[in-house]
Amino acid sequence: MHIAVAGNIGSGKSTLTRMLAKHYGWEARFEAVDYNPYLEDYYKDIPRWSFPMEVYFLKERFKDLLDINKADHTVIQDRTIFEGVYVFGATNKEMGNLSERDFDTYMELFEQMMQIVRLPDLMIYLRASVPHLIANIQKRGRDYEQTMQLDYLENLNTRYEDFIFNRYKGRVLVIEKDQTDFEHNAKEFGSIVDRIDAQLFGLFNPPQPLPKGGESENL
């Protein structure tokens, strides 16, 4: 199986990915955030570095998908190629950081890749408010994230909502992150595990349709 964890910067994706991998014995796959050769330059000059950074992420996520497709065990992935395109790439385009020419080239690459990959078996979406994201970003203290603009995070959140509730066609489990401390509260983590079990393994728990209007079941 392929399990994905989606969510904005600072929502807790990597933490939840590690915890679920340990609980289930799944293989965890993480984004190469600390090794992307463009990321630090990107945060210093977003328009200049948007296209090479997005193409680098697209290339890396596609490589991960090819490896996941070959795996004979369950893999849980921290962020997917889909949100990379529909959230981050689209946000950069909307903000004028990607030209029409660059974005068309980027989308053509993505569409070619989509011909040979499939959707994850379950996508877990960590839904968080901008104040919650900012608090987490400040807490973890990555230098290149501290200069991030508020409107950038707000635009990403808007794109995530559109991606999850309007564009993505696969199975989604929504976790309201502002109200959940799964890292430090074993009961709340257990509640997430119960919901995942129901989605993946429950004989009498068929997947439920996404709620209308972007609303989700709270933990």
Protein backbone atom coordinates (compact mmCIF):
# COMPACT_ATOMS: atom_id res chain seq x y z
CA MET A 1 0.00 0.00 0.00
CA HIS A 2 0.89 3.64 -0.46
CA ILE A 3 -0.11 6.01 2.36
CA ALA A 4 0.48 9.74 1.98
CA VAL A 5 0.57 12.53 4.57
CA ALA A 6 -0.39 15.96 3.23
CA GLY A 7 -0.42 19.38 4.86
CA ASN A 8 1.01 22.86 4.77
CA ILE A 9 4.50 23.83 5.97
CA GLY A 10 4.62 23.36 9.74
CA SER A 11 1.51 21.19 10.01
CA GLY A 12 3.37 18.19 11.46
CA LYS A 13 3.59 15.90 8.43
CA SER A 14 7.05 14.55 9.18
CA THR A 15 6.21 13.88 12.82
CA LEU A 16 3.03 11.99 11.98
CA THR A 17 4.80 10.07 9.21
CA ARG A 18 7.49 8.90 11.64
CA MET A 19 4.96 7.94 14.30
CA LEU A 20 2.74 5.98 11.93
CA ALA A 21 5.71 4.23 10.32
CA LYS A 22 6.87 3.11 13.76
CA HIS A 23 3.39 2.03 14.86
CA TYR A 24 2.55 -0.02 11.76
CA GLY A 25 6.05 -1.09 10.72
CA TRP A 26 5.72 0.81 7.46
CA GLU A 27 8.61 2.26 5.48
CA ALA A 28 8.72 6.05 5.80
CA ARG A 29 9.66 8.25 2.85
CA PHE A 30 10.51 11.90 3.53
CA GLU A 31 11.01 14.91 1.31
CA ALA A 32 14.62 15.96 0.84
CA VAL A 33 13.95 19.35 2.47
CA ASP A 34 17.42 19.73 3.95
CA TYR A 35 19.15 18.61 0.73
CA ASN A 36 17.27 20.51 -1.98
CA PRO A 37 20.02 22.60 -3.60
CA TYR A 38 17.55 25.36 -4.51
CA LEU A 39 15.47 25.78 -1.35
CA GLU A 40 17.57 28.29 0.58
CA ASP A 41 18.01 30.44 -2.52
CA TYR A 42 14.27 30.12 -3.19
CA TYR A 43 13.28 31.70 0.12
CA LYS A 44 15.70 34.57 -0.54
CA ASP A 45 14.47 35.28 -4.09
CA ILE A 46 11.26 33.38 -4.86
CA PRO A 47 10.65 34.64 -8.44
CA ARG A 48 14.21 33.85 -9.53
CA TRP A 49 14.32 30.32 -8.14
CA SER A 50 10.71 29.09 -8.38
CA PHE A 51 11.00 27.15 -11.63
CA PRO A 52 14.20 25.19 -10.87
CA MET A 53 12.99 24.48 -7.34
CA GLU A 54 9.59 23.20 -8.51
CA VAL A 55 11.15 21.05 -11.23
CA TYR A 56 13.62 19.60 -8.72
CA PHE A 57 10.78 18.67 -6.34
CA LEU A 58 8.76 17.23 -9.23
CA LYS A 59 11.70 15.08 -10.29
CA GLU A 60 12.34 13.82 -6.75
CA ARG A 61 8.67 13.04 -6.07
CA PHE A 62 8.36 11.16 -9.34
CA LYS A 63 11.41 9.06 -8.46
CA ASP A 64 9.78 8.27 -5.13
CA LEU A 65 6.55 7.21 -6.84
CA LEU A 66 8.40 4.88 -9.17
CA ASP A 67 10.13 3.26 -6.17
CA ILE A 68 6.85 3.03 -4.24
CA ASN A 69 5.15 1.34 -7.18
CA LYS A 70 7.84 -1.35 -7.11
CA ALA A 71 7.68 -1.90 -3.33
CA ASP A 72 6.28 -5.15 -1.94
CA HIS A 73 5.46 -3.54 1.41
CA THR A 74 3.53 -0.51 2.68
CA VAL A 75 5.18 2.89 2.27
CA ILE A 76 4.05 6.07 4.03
CA GLN A 77 5.13 9.24 2.23
CA ASP A 78 5.62 12.74 3.63
CA ARG A 79 4.02 14.96 0.94
CA THR A 80 3.20 13.79 -2.58
CA ILE A 81 3.70 14.84 -6.15
CA PHE A 82 0.02 15.86 -6.32
CA GLU A 83 0.16 18.65 -3.75
CA GLY A 84 3.56 19.64 -5.08
CA VAL A 85 1.79 20.51 -8.32
CA TYR A 86 -1.70 21.59 -7.27
CA VAL A 87 -0.62 23.49 -4.15
CA PHE A 88 2.98 24.72 -4.42
CA GLY A 89 3.34 24.97 -8.17
CA ALA A 90 -0.10 26.56 -8.58
CA THR A 91 0.56 29.02 -5.74
CA ASN A 92 3.81 30.17 -7.31
CA LYS A 93 2.02 30.64 -10.62
CA GLU A 94 -0.81 32.61 -8.99
CA MET A 95 1.66 34.86 -7.15
CA GLY A 96 3.51 35.64 -10.38
CA ASN A 97 6.62 33.66 -9.42
CA LEU A 98 6.28 31.28 -12.37
CA SER A 99 5.80 32.61 -15.87
CA GLU A 100 3.11 31.20 -18.13
CA ARG A 101 5.81 29.52 -20.22
CA ASP A 102 7.52 27.92 -17.23
CA PHE A 103 4.23 26.76 -15.70
CA ASP A 104 3.08 25.20 -18.99
CA THR A 105 6.37 23.30 -19.24
CA TYR A 106 6.07 22.19 -15.63
CA MET A 107 2.47 20.96 -16.07
CA GLU A 108 3.36 19.08 -19.25
CA LEU A 109 6.08 17.24 -17.36
CA PHE A 110 3.61 16.39 -14.59
CA GLU A 111 0.92 15.16 -16.99
CA GLN A 112 3.40 12.86 -18.71
CA MET A 113 4.40 11.42 -15.34
CA MET A 114 0.76 10.83 -14.35
CA GLN A 115 0.35 8.36 -17.19
CA ILE A 116 2.34 5.72 -15.30
CA VAL A 117 1.49 6.31 -11.61
CA ARG A 118 -1.56 5.72 -9.42
CA LEU A 119 -3.15 7.53 -6.50
CA PRO A 120 -2.19 6.63 -2.92
CA ASP A 121 -4.43 4.14 -1.15
CA LEU A 122 -5.06 6.77 1.54
CA MET A 123 -4.09 10.41 1.89
CA ILE A 124 -4.04 11.84 5.43
CA TYR A 125 -4.57 15.61 5.38
CA LEU A 126 -3.35 17.65 8.36
CA ARG A 127 -5.59 20.70 8.24
CA ALA A 128 -4.10 23.62 10.18
CA SER A 129 -4.74 27.36 10.54
CA VAL A 130 -2.05 29.87 9.60
CA PRO A 131 -1.39 30.91 13.25
CA HIS A 132 -0.84 27.25 14.14
CA LEU A 133 1.57 26.85 11.22
CA ILE A 134 3.53 29.96 12.16
CA ALA A 135 3.91 28.79 15.76
CA ASN A 136 5.29 25.43 14.60
CA ILE A 137 7.65 27.02 12.06
CA GLN A 138 9.07 29.35 14.72
CA LYS A 139 9.41 26.47 17.16
CA ARG A 140 11.48 24.26 14.85
CA GLY A 141 13.71 27.18 13.90
CA ARG A 142 14.87 26.41 10.36
CA ASP A 143 16.70 29.55 9.24
CA TYR A 144 15.41 29.54 5.67
CA GLU A 145 11.79 29.33 6.87
CA GLN A 146 11.91 32.27 9.28
CA THR A 147 11.64 34.87 6.49
CA MET A 148 8.57 33.21 4.97
CA GLN A 149 5.80 35.73 4.21
CA LEU A 150 2.39 35.46 5.85
CA ASP A 151 0.51 35.81 2.58
CA TYR A 152 2.51 32.91 1.15
CA LEU A 153 1.31 30.58 3.93
CA GLU A 154 -2.24 31.88 3.52
CA ASN A 155 -2.15 31.22 -0.22
CA LEU A 156 -0.83 27.71 0.39
CA ASN A 157 -3.64 27.00 2.85
CA THR A 158 -6.25 28.15 0.32
CA ARG A 159 -4.70 25.91 -2.33
CA TYR A 160 -4.64 22.94 0.05
CA GLU A 161 -8.35 23.32 0.73
CA ASP A 162 -9.09 23.47 -3.01
CA PHE A 163 -6.78 20.53 -3.73
CA ILE A 164 -8.18 18.23 -1.05
CA PHE A 165 -11.88 19.01 -1.37
CA ASN A 166 -12.24 19.85 -5.06
CA ARG A 167 -9.41 18.37 -7.13
CA TYR A 168 -8.09 15.21 -5.52
CA LYS A 169 -9.99 12.05 -6.50
CA GLY A 170 -8.56 9.58 -4.01
CA ARG A 171 -9.50 8.57 -0.47
CA VAL A 172 -8.77 11.24 2.16
CA LEU A 173 -8.74 11.25 5.95
CA VAL A 174 -8.84 14.79 7.40
CA ILE A 175 -7.26 15.57 10.78
CA GLU A 176 -7.93 18.97 12.34
CA LYS A 177 -4.41 19.73 13.53
CA ASP A 178 -5.20 22.85 15.61
CA GLN A 179 -7.27 20.67 17.93
CA THR A 180 -4.98 17.65 17.98
CA ASP A 181 -1.63 17.05 19.69
CA PHE A 182 -0.87 13.54 18.49
CA GLU A 183 2.84 13.96 19.22
CA HIS A 184 2.39 14.38 22.97
CA ASN A 185 -1.05 12.87 23.59
CA ALA A 186 -1.18 9.09 23.23
CA LYS A 187 -4.98 9.04 23.29
CA GLU A 188 -5.22 11.44 20.37
CA PHE A 189 -2.64 9.48 18.40
CA GLY A 190 -4.61 6.32 19.14
CA SER A 191 -7.74 7.98 17.77
CA ILE A 192 -5.92 8.69 14.51
CA VAL A 193 -4.75 5.07 14.33
CA ASP A 194 -8.34 3.88 14.87
CA ARG A 195 -9.56 6.04 12.01
CA ILE A 196 -6.79 4.79 9.71
CA ASP A 197 -7.60 1.18 10.63
CA ALA A 198 -11.25 1.79 9.78
CA GLN A 199 -10.34 3.24 6.39
CA LEU A 200 -7.79 0.61 5.41
CA PHE A 201 -8.83 -2.57 7.17
CA GLY A 202 -12.40 -2.15 8.49
CA LEU A 203 -14.65 -4.76 6.92
CA PHE A 204 -17.75 -2.80 7.79
CA ASN A 205 -16.36 0.68 7.36
CA PRO A 206 -16.44 1.58 3.67
CA PRO A 207 -14.77 4.85 2.69
CA GLN A 208 -17.01 7.84 3.40
CA PRO A 209 -17.45 10.64 0.86
CA LEU A 210 -15.70 13.90 1.60
CA PRO A 211 -17.99 16.39 3.39
CA LYS A 212 -19.32 19.28 1.36
CA GLY A 213 -17.89 22.74 1.75
CA GLY A 214 -14.49 21.55 2.94
CA GLU A 215 -15.74 20.60 6.41
CA SER A 216 -14.27 17.54 8.07
CA GLU A 217 -14.93 15.29 11.00
CA ASN A 218 -13.05 16.51 14.04
CA LEU A 219 -11.05 14.19 16.26
